[in-house]
Every structure is written in C-alpha cells, then in structure tokens.
Amino acid sequence: MPMSANEITRLVTEALPGAEIELRDLAGDDDHWAARVVAPQFAGKSRVQQHKMVYDALGGRMGGVLHALQLTTAAPN
C-alpha cells in the first residue's frame, strides 16, 4: 500500500518537531514524492546528514511502502 502525504508528514514531524514539510506527488500514485523539509535540527549538519535524518524518521519505509523520495532539505534562515 502506498504512503500518504499525511503519513509522511506525521512521521517526519514526530522525529523532527518544528519541521516545515512541503510534499508533491510526482506521479499521482502516492508512491513517488518530492519533499522539501526545513527543520531547526538541520542547523550545522551536512546535506547527507540532513537526508539521513529524514530517512531515519521514515523508519525504513524507503524502497518499501515509499518507493521514491526526491528530497530537498535546509535549516531555517
């Protein structure tokens, strides 16, 4: 079963309180997403570390119920 925007948002905000998340369904199938995540926890972290934090928040669902995630991350200005 695909992963809804609400579920992705819930998981990420639980792991990264205060995160701002914008999601776009790339294929209209709830399976291929583009996400922009801005979180205070990203301050001082490399892009790789930021992406790992998001993937960790998704709890191993990448490649399973969540097939593809095009990810952009940033710390707030």
PDB file of N, CA and C in Angstrom:
ATOM      1  N   MET A   1       0.844  -1.186   0.000  1.00  0.00           N
ATOM      2  CA  MET A   1       0.000   0.000   0.000  1.00  0.00           C
ATOM      3  C   MET A   1       0.885   1.244   0.000  1.00  0.00           C
ATOM      4  N   PRO A   2       0.602   2.222  -0.852  1.00  0.00           N
ATOM      5  CA  PRO A   2       1.408   3.448  -0.922  1.00  0.00           C
ATOM      6  C   PRO A   2       1.337   4.242   0.383  1.00  0.00           C
ATOM      7  N   MET A   3       2.194   5.237   0.480  1.00  0.00           N
ATOM      8  CA  MET A   3       2.289   6.054   1.683  1.00  0.00           C
ATOM      9  C   MET A   3       1.708   7.433   1.407  1.00  0.00           C
ATOM     10  N   SER A   4       0.746   7.854   2.219  1.00  0.00           N
ATOM     11  CA  SER A   4       0.077   9.140   2.005  1.00  0.00           C
ATOM     12  C   SER A   4       0.946  10.304   2.472  1.00  0.00           C
ATOM     13  N   ALA A   5       0.622  11.477   1.969  1.00  0.00           N
ATOM     14  CA  ALA A   5       1.308  12.698   2.391  1.00  0.00           C
ATOM     15  C   ALA A   5       1.142  12.902   3.887  1.00  0.00           C
ATOM     16  N   ASN A   6      -0.040  12.617   4.406  1.00  0.00           N
ATOM     17  CA  ASN A   6      -0.280  12.785   5.839  1.00  0.00           C
ATOM     18  C   ASN A   6       0.628  11.884   6.664  1.00  0.00           C
ATOM     19  N   GLU A   7       0.822  10.655   6.217  1.00  0.00           N
ATOM     20  CA  GLU A   7       1.674   9.712   6.945  1.00  0.00           C
ATOM     21  C   GLU A   7       3.137  10.159   6.904  1.00  0.00           C
ATOM     22  N   ILE A   8       3.607  10.602   5.741  1.00  0.00           N
ATOM     23  CA  ILE A   8       4.983  11.091   5.629  1.00  0.00           C
ATOM     24  C   ILE A   8       5.167  12.298   6.551  1.00  0.00           C
ATOM     25  N   THR A   9       4.231  13.231   6.495  1.00  0.00           N
ATOM     26  CA  THR A   9       4.306  14.434   7.328  1.00  0.00           C
ATOM     27  C   THR A   9       4.314  14.065   8.809  1.00  0.00           C
ATOM     28  N   ARG A  10       3.455  13.153   9.202  1.00  0.00           N
ATOM     29  CA  ARG A  10       3.365  12.740  10.609  1.00  0.00           C
ATOM     30  C   ARG A  10       4.689  12.151  11.088  1.00  0.00           C
ATOM     31  N   LEU A  11       5.251  11.234  10.314  1.00  0.00           N
ATOM     32  CA  LEU A  11       6.495  10.583  10.717  1.00  0.00           C
ATOM     33  C   LEU A  11       7.643  11.576  10.830  1.00  0.00           C
ATOM     34  N   VAL A  12       7.744  12.475   9.860  1.00  0.00           N
ATOM     35  CA  VAL A  12       8.852  13.431   9.875  1.00  0.00           C
ATOM     36  C   VAL A  12       8.688  14.436  11.017  1.00  0.00           C
ATOM     37  N   THR A  13       7.471  14.938  11.232  1.00  0.00           N
ATOM     38  CA  THR A  13       7.296  15.915  12.309  1.00  0.00           C
ATOM     39  C   THR A  13       7.412  15.282  13.694  1.00  0.00           C
ATOM     40  N   GLU A  14       7.102  14.000  13.821  1.00  0.00           N
ATOM     41  CA  GLU A  14       7.325  13.321  15.104  1.00  0.00           C
ATOM     42  C   GLU A  14       8.819  13.249  15.411  1.00  0.00           C
ATOM     43  N   ALA A  15       9.624  12.956  14.396  1.00  0.00           N
ATOM     44  CA  ALA A  15      11.066  12.826  14.581  1.00  0.00           C
ATOM     45  C   ALA A  15      11.769  14.183  14.616  1.00  0.00           C
ATOM     46  N   LEU A  16      11.217  15.152  13.890  1.00  0.00           N
ATOM     47  CA  LEU A  16      11.835  16.470  13.777  1.00  0.00           C
ATOM     48  C   LEU A  16      10.803  17.548  14.121  1.00  0.00           C
ATOM     49  N   PRO A  17      10.487  17.710  15.419  1.00  0.00           N
ATOM     50  CA  PRO A  17       9.475  18.696  15.812  1.00  0.00           C
ATOM     51  C   PRO A  17       9.829  20.091  15.286  1.00  0.00           C
ATOM     52  N   GLY A  18       8.817  20.776  14.787  1.00  0.00           N
ATOM     53  CA  GLY A  18       9.017  22.113  14.233  1.00  0.00           C
ATOM     54  C   GLY A  18       9.372  22.128  12.764  1.00  0.00           C
ATOM     55  N   ALA A  19       9.514  20.947  12.169  1.00  0.00           N
ATOM     56  CA  ALA A  19       9.865  20.885  10.746  1.00  0.00           C
ATOM     57  C   ALA A  19       8.717  21.413   9.892  1.00  0.00           C
ATOM     58  N   GLU A  20       9.080  22.104   8.823  1.00  0.00           N
ATOM     59  CA  GLU A  20       8.115  22.528   7.809  1.00  0.00           C
ATOM     60  C   GLU A  20       8.312  21.602   6.618  1.00  0.00           C
ATOM     61  N   ILE A  21       7.215  20.994   6.163  1.00  0.00           N
ATOM     62  CA  ILE A  21       7.296  19.981   5.113  1.00  0.00           C
ATOM     63  C   ILE A  21       6.364  20.343   3.970  1.00  0.00           C
ATOM     64  N   GLU A  22       6.905  20.362   2.773  1.00  0.00           N
ATOM     65  CA  GLU A  22       6.100  20.541   1.555  1.00  0.00           C
ATOM     66  C   GLU A  22       6.257  19.266   0.741  1.00  0.00           C
ATOM     67  N   LEU A  23       5.143  18.659   0.387  1.00  0.00           N
ATOM     68  CA  LEU A  23       5.170  17.421  -0.399  1.00  0.00           C
ATOM     69  C   LEU A  23       4.468  17.614  -1.737  1.00  0.00           C
ATOM     70  N   ARG A  24       5.020  16.968  -2.760  1.00  0.00           N
ATOM     71  CA  ARG A  24       4.393  16.970  -4.082  1.00  0.00           C
ATOM     72  C   ARG A  24       4.401  15.538  -4.602  1.00  0.00           C
ATOM     73  N   ASP A  25       3.241  15.043  -4.988  1.00  0.00           N
ATOM     74  CA  ASP A  25       3.110  13.692  -5.544  1.00  0.00           C
ATOM     75  C   ASP A  25       3.547  13.755  -7.006  1.00  0.00           C
ATOM     76  N   LEU A  26       4.681  13.181  -7.318  1.00  0.00           N
ATOM     77  CA  LEU A  26       5.269  13.312  -8.657  1.00  0.00           C
ATOM     78  C   LEU A  26       4.549  12.518  -9.733  1.00  0.00           C
ATOM     79  N   ALA A  27       3.923  11.399  -9.346  1.00  0.00           N
ATOM     80  CA  ALA A  27       3.308  10.534 -10.353  1.00  0.00           C
ATOM     81  C   ALA A  27       1.810  10.328 -10.138  1.00  0.00           C
ATOM     82  N   GLY A  28       1.249  10.960  -9.103  1.00  0.00           N
ATOM     83  CA  GLY A  28      -0.173  10.795  -8.825  1.00  0.00           C
ATOM     84  C   GLY A  28      -0.530   9.435  -8.258  1.00  0.00           C
ATOM     85  N   ASP A  29       0.487   8.745  -7.675  1.00  0.00           N
ATOM     86  CA  ASP A  29       0.239   7.377  -7.201  1.00  0.00           C
ATOM     87  C   ASP A  29       0.568   7.173  -5.713  1.00  0.00           C
ATOM     88  N   ASP A  30       0.833   8.270  -4.982  1.00  0.00           N
ATOM     89  CA  ASP A  30       1.233   8.190  -3.564  1.00  0.00           C
ATOM     90  C   ASP A  30       2.464   7.302  -3.369  1.00  0.00           C
ATOM     91  N   ASP A  31       3.295   7.177  -4.381  1.00  0.00           N
ATOM     92  CA  ASP A  31       4.444   6.280  -4.327  1.00  0.00           C
ATOM     93  C   ASP A  31       5.745   6.980  -4.708  1.00  0.00           C
ATOM     94  N   HIS A  32       5.638   8.113  -5.390  1.00  0.00           N
ATOM     95  CA  HIS A  32       6.803   8.872  -5.851  1.00  0.00           C
ATOM     96  C   HIS A  32       6.608  10.319  -5.409  1.00  0.00           C
ATOM     97  N   TRP A  33       7.376  10.736  -4.411  1.00  0.00           N
ATOM     98  CA  TRP A  33       7.185  12.041  -3.795  1.00  0.00           C
ATOM     99  C   TRP A  33       8.396  12.939  -3.968  1.00  0.00           C
ATOM    100  N   ALA A  34       8.146  14.236  -4.020  1.00  0.00           N
ATOM    101  CA  ALA A  34       9.179  15.256  -3.861  1.00  0.00           C
ATOM    102  C   ALA A  34       8.863  15.935  -2.536  1.00  0.00           C
ATOM    103  N   ALA A  35       9.876  16.068  -1.693  1.00  0.00           N
ATOM    104  CA  ALA A  35       9.669  16.681  -0.386  1.00  0.00           C
ATOM    105  C   ALA A  35      10.714  17.755  -0.143  1.00  0.00           C
ATOM    106  N   ARG A  36      10.254  18.863   0.422  1.00  0.00           N
ATOM    107  CA  ARG A  36      11.155  19.902   0.926  1.00  0.00           C
ATOM    108  C   ARG A  36      10.924  19.951   2.422  1.00  0.00           C
ATOM    109  N   VAL A  37      11.990  19.724   3.180  1.00  0.00           N
ATOM    110  CA  VAL A  37      11.903  19.703   4.640  1.00  0.00           C
ATOM    111  C   VAL A  37      12.856  20.758   5.193  1.00  0.00           C
ATOM    112  N   VAL A  38      12.290  21.702   5.942  1.00  0.00           N
ATOM    113  CA  VAL A  38      13.078  22.726   6.619  1.00  0.00           C
ATOM    114  C   VAL A  38      12.913  22.480   8.112  1.00  0.00           C
ATOM    115  N   ALA A  39      14.023  22.185   8.795  1.00  0.00           N
ATOM    116  CA  ALA A  39      13.942  21.823  10.206  1.00  0.00           C
ATOM    117  C   ALA A  39      15.089  22.447  10.994  1.00  0.00           C
ATOM    118  N   PRO A  40      14.783  22.942  12.184  1.00  0.00           N
ATOM    119  CA  PRO A  40      15.845  23.527  13.017  1.00  0.00           C
ATOM    120  C   PRO A  40      16.933  22.509  13.371  1.00  0.00           C
ATOM    121  N   GLN A  41      16.585  21.234  13.409  1.00  0.00           N
ATOM    122  CA  GLN A  41      17.558  20.188  13.741  1.00  0.00           C
ATOM    123  C   GLN A  41      18.641  20.044  12.673  1.00  0.00           C
ATOM    124  N   PHE A  42      18.430  20.620  11.497  1.00  0.00           N
ATOM    125  CA  PHE A  42      19.404  20.523  10.412  1.00  0.00           C
ATOM    126  C   PHE A  42      20.547  21.529  10.549  1.00  0.00           C
ATOM    127  N   ALA A  43      20.432  22.489  11.434  1.00  0.00           N
ATOM    128  CA  ALA A  43      21.470  23.522  11.585  1.00  0.00           C
ATOM    129  C   ALA A  43      22.817  22.867  11.873  1.00  0.00           C
ATOM    130  N   GLY A  44      23.820  23.259  11.099  1.00  0.00           N
ATOM    131  CA  GLY A  44      25.169  22.745  11.298  1.00  0.00           C
ATOM    132  C   GLY A  44      25.416  21.354  10.746  1.00  0.00           C
ATOM    133  N   LYS A  45      24.407  20.753  10.118  1.00  0.00           N
ATOM    134  CA  LYS A  45      24.544  19.401   9.562  1.00  0.00           C
ATOM    135  C   LYS A  45      24.783  19.492   8.051  1.00  0.00           C
ATOM    136  N   SER A  46      25.521  18.512   7.531  1.00  0.00           N
ATOM    137  CA  SER A  46      25.720  18.431   6.078  1.00  0.00           C
ATOM    138  C   SER A  46      24.415  17.985   5.421  1.00  0.00           C
ATOM    139  N   ARG A  47      24.332  18.167   4.112  1.00  0.00           N
ATOM    140  CA  ARG A  47      23.137  17.730   3.377  1.00  0.00           C
ATOM    141  C   ARG A  47      22.932  16.218   3.541  1.00  0.00           C
ATOM    142  N   VAL A  48      24.013  15.450   3.510  1.00  0.00           N
ATOM    143  CA  VAL A  48      23.912  13.999   3.678  1.00  0.00           C
ATOM    144  C   VAL A  48      23.341  13.673   5.060  1.00  0.00           C
ATOM    145  N   GLN A  49      23.824  14.349   6.093  1.00  0.00           N
ATOM    146  CA  GLN A  49      23.315  14.122   7.447  1.00  0.00           C
ATOM    147  C   GLN A  49      21.832  14.499   7.544  1.00  0.00           C
ATOM    148  N   GLN A  50      21.453  15.613   6.903  1.00  0.00           N
ATOM    149  CA  GLN A  50      20.054  16.047   6.909  1.00  0.00           C
ATOM    150  C   GLN A  50      19.165  14.996   6.252  1.00  0.00           C
ATOM    151  N   HIS A  51      19.582  14.498   5.098  1.00  0.00           N
ATOM    152  CA  HIS A  51      18.791  13.494   4.388  1.00  0.00           C
ATOM    153  C   HIS A  51      18.676  12.221   5.224  1.00  0.00           C
ATOM    154  N   LYS A  52      19.767  11.809   5.879  1.00  0.00           N
ATOM    155  CA  LYS A  52      19.731  10.621   6.721  1.00  0.00           C
ATOM    156  C   LYS A  52      18.730  10.800   7.863  1.00  0.00           C
ATOM    157  N   MET A  53      18.643  11.998   8.417  1.00  0.00           N
ATOM    158  CA  MET A  53      17.688  12.260   9.495  1.00  0.00           C
ATOM    159  C   MET A  53      16.255  12.055   9.000  1.00  0.00           C
ATOM    160  N   VAL A  54      15.978  12.491   7.771  1.00  0.00           N
ATOM    161  CA  VAL A  54      14.633  12.304   7.210  1.00  0.00           C
ATOM    162  C   VAL A  54      14.384  10.817   6.948  1.00  0.00           C
ATOM    163  N   TYR A  55      15.350  10.137   6.340  1.00  0.00           N
ATOM    164  CA  TYR A  55      15.180   8.706   6.072  1.00  0.00           C
ATOM    165  C   TYR A  55      14.995   7.928   7.364  1.00  0.00           C
ATOM    166  N   ASP A  56      15.748   8.292   8.407  1.00  0.00           N
ATOM    167  CA  ASP A  56      15.583   7.642   9.710  1.00  0.00           C
ATOM    168  C   ASP A  56      14.179   7.878  10.250  1.00  0.00           C
ATOM    169  N   ALA A  57      13.652   9.085  10.055  1.00  0.00           N
ATOM    170  CA  ALA A  57      12.297   9.416  10.517  1.00  0.00           C
ATOM    171  C   ALA A  57      11.255   8.527   9.838  1.00  0.00           C
ATOM    172  N   LEU A  58      11.536   8.132   8.601  1.00  0.00           N
ATOM    173  CA  LEU A  58      10.592   7.300   7.851  1.00  0.00           C
ATOM    174  C   LEU A  58      10.690   5.829   8.243  1.00  0.00           C
ATOM    175  N   GLY A  59      11.590   5.510   9.134  1.00  0.00           N
ATOM    176  CA  GLY A  59      11.638   4.191   9.753  1.00  0.00           C
ATOM    177  C   GLY A  59      11.803   3.026   8.798  1.00  0.00           C
ATOM    178  N   GLY A  60      12.675   3.137   7.822  1.00  0.00           N
ATOM    179  CA  GLY A  60      12.926   2.013   6.936  1.00  0.00           C
ATOM    180  C   GLY A  60      11.869   1.796   5.866  1.00  0.00           C
ATOM    181  N   ARG A  61      10.975   2.745   5.697  1.00  0.00           N
ATOM    182  CA  ARG A  61       9.924   2.579   4.681  1.00  0.00           C
ATOM    183  C   ARG A  61      10.402   2.885   3.260  1.00  0.00           C
ATOM    184  N   MET A  62      11.554   3.542   3.128  1.00  0.00           N
ATOM    185  CA  MET A  62      12.097   3.833   1.795  1.00  0.00           C
ATOM    186  C   MET A  62      12.370   2.528   1.062  1.00  0.00           C
ATOM    187  N   GLY A  63      11.954   2.475  -0.196  1.00  0.00           N
ATOM    188  CA  GLY A  63      12.156   1.274  -1.003  1.00  0.00           C
ATOM    189  C   GLY A  63      11.083   0.223  -0.776  1.00  0.00           C
ATOM    190  N   GLY A  64      10.253   0.434   0.243  1.00  0.00           N
ATOM    191  CA  GLY A  64       9.146  -0.480   0.507  1.00  0.00           C
ATOM    192  C   GLY A  64       7.843   0.220   0.187  1.00  0.00           C
ATOM    193  N   VAL A  65       7.115   0.639   1.235  1.00  0.00           N
ATOM    194  CA  VAL A  65       5.849   1.338   1.001  1.00  0.00           C
ATOM    195  C   VAL A  65       6.073   2.707   0.383  1.00  0.00           C
ATOM    196  N   LEU A  66       7.267   3.256   0.557  1.00  0.00           N
ATOM    197  CA  LEU A  66       7.612   4.539  -0.080  1.00  0.00           C
ATOM    198  C   LEU A  66       8.688   4.245  -1.111  1.00  0.00           C
ATOM    199  N   HIS A  67       8.274   4.235  -2.372  1.00  0.00           N
ATOM    200  CA  HIS A  67       9.175   3.795  -3.443  1.00  0.00           C
ATOM    201  C   HIS A  67      10.256   4.827  -3.744  1.00  0.00           C
ATOM    202  N   ALA A  68       9.883   6.103  -3.866  1.00  0.00           N
ATOM    203  CA  ALA A  68      10.848   7.119  -4.265  1.00  0.00           C
ATOM    204  C   ALA A  68      10.558   8.430  -3.557  1.00  0.00           C
ATOM    205  N   LEU A  69      11.631   9.083  -3.110  1.00  0.00           N
ATOM    206  CA  LEU A  69      11.512  10.369  -2.446  1.00  0.00           C
ATOM    207  C   LEU A  69      12.612  11.283  -2.953  1.00  0.00           C
ATOM    208  N   GLN A  70      12.218  12.323  -3.680  1.00  0.00           N
ATOM    209  CA  GLN A  70      13.158  13.345  -4.136  1.00  0.00           C
ATOM    210  C   GLN A  70      13.202  14.374  -3.014  1.00  0.00           C
ATOM    211  N   LEU A  71      14.342  14.489  -2.343  1.00  0.00           N
ATOM    212  CA  LEU A  71      14.419  15.206  -1.092  1.00  0.00           C
ATOM    213  C   LEU A  71      15.270  16.464  -1.201  1.00  0.00           C
ATOM    214  N   THR A  72      14.734  17.569  -0.683  1.00  0.00           N
ATOM    215  CA  THR A  72      15.463  18.817  -0.517  1.00  0.00           C
ATOM    216  C   THR A  72      15.347  19.188   0.954  1.00  0.00           C
ATOM    217  N   THR A  73      16.482  19.483   1.575  1.00  0.00           N
ATOM    218  CA  THR A  73      16.455  19.823   2.990  1.00  0.00           C
ATOM    219  C   THR A  73      17.211  21.127   3.240  1.00  0.00           C
ATOM    220  N   ALA A  74      16.855  21.788   4.350  1.00  0.00           N
ATOM    221  CA  ALA A  74      17.526  23.024   4.741  1.00  0.00           C
ATOM    222  C   ALA A  74      17.214  23.330   6.193  1.00  0.00           C
ATOM    223  N   ALA A  75      18.105  24.089   6.813  1.00  0.00           N
ATOM    224  CA  ALA A  75      17.833  24.636   8.134  1.00  0.00           C
ATOM    225  C   ALA A  75      17.124  25.971   7.917  1.00  0.00           C
ATOM    226  N   PRO A  76      16.284  26.391   8.870  1.00  0.00           N
ATOM    227  CA  PRO A  76      15.628  27.700   8.721  1.00  0.00           C
ATOM    228  C   PRO A  76      16.653  28.819   8.669  1.00  0.00           C
ATOM    229  N   ASN A  77      16.316  29.900   8.007  1.00  0.00           N
ATOM    230  CA  ASN A  77      17.233  31.053   7.919  1.00  0.00           C
ATOM    231  C   ASN A  77      17.285  31.800   9.227  1.00  0.00           C
TER     232      ASN A  77
END
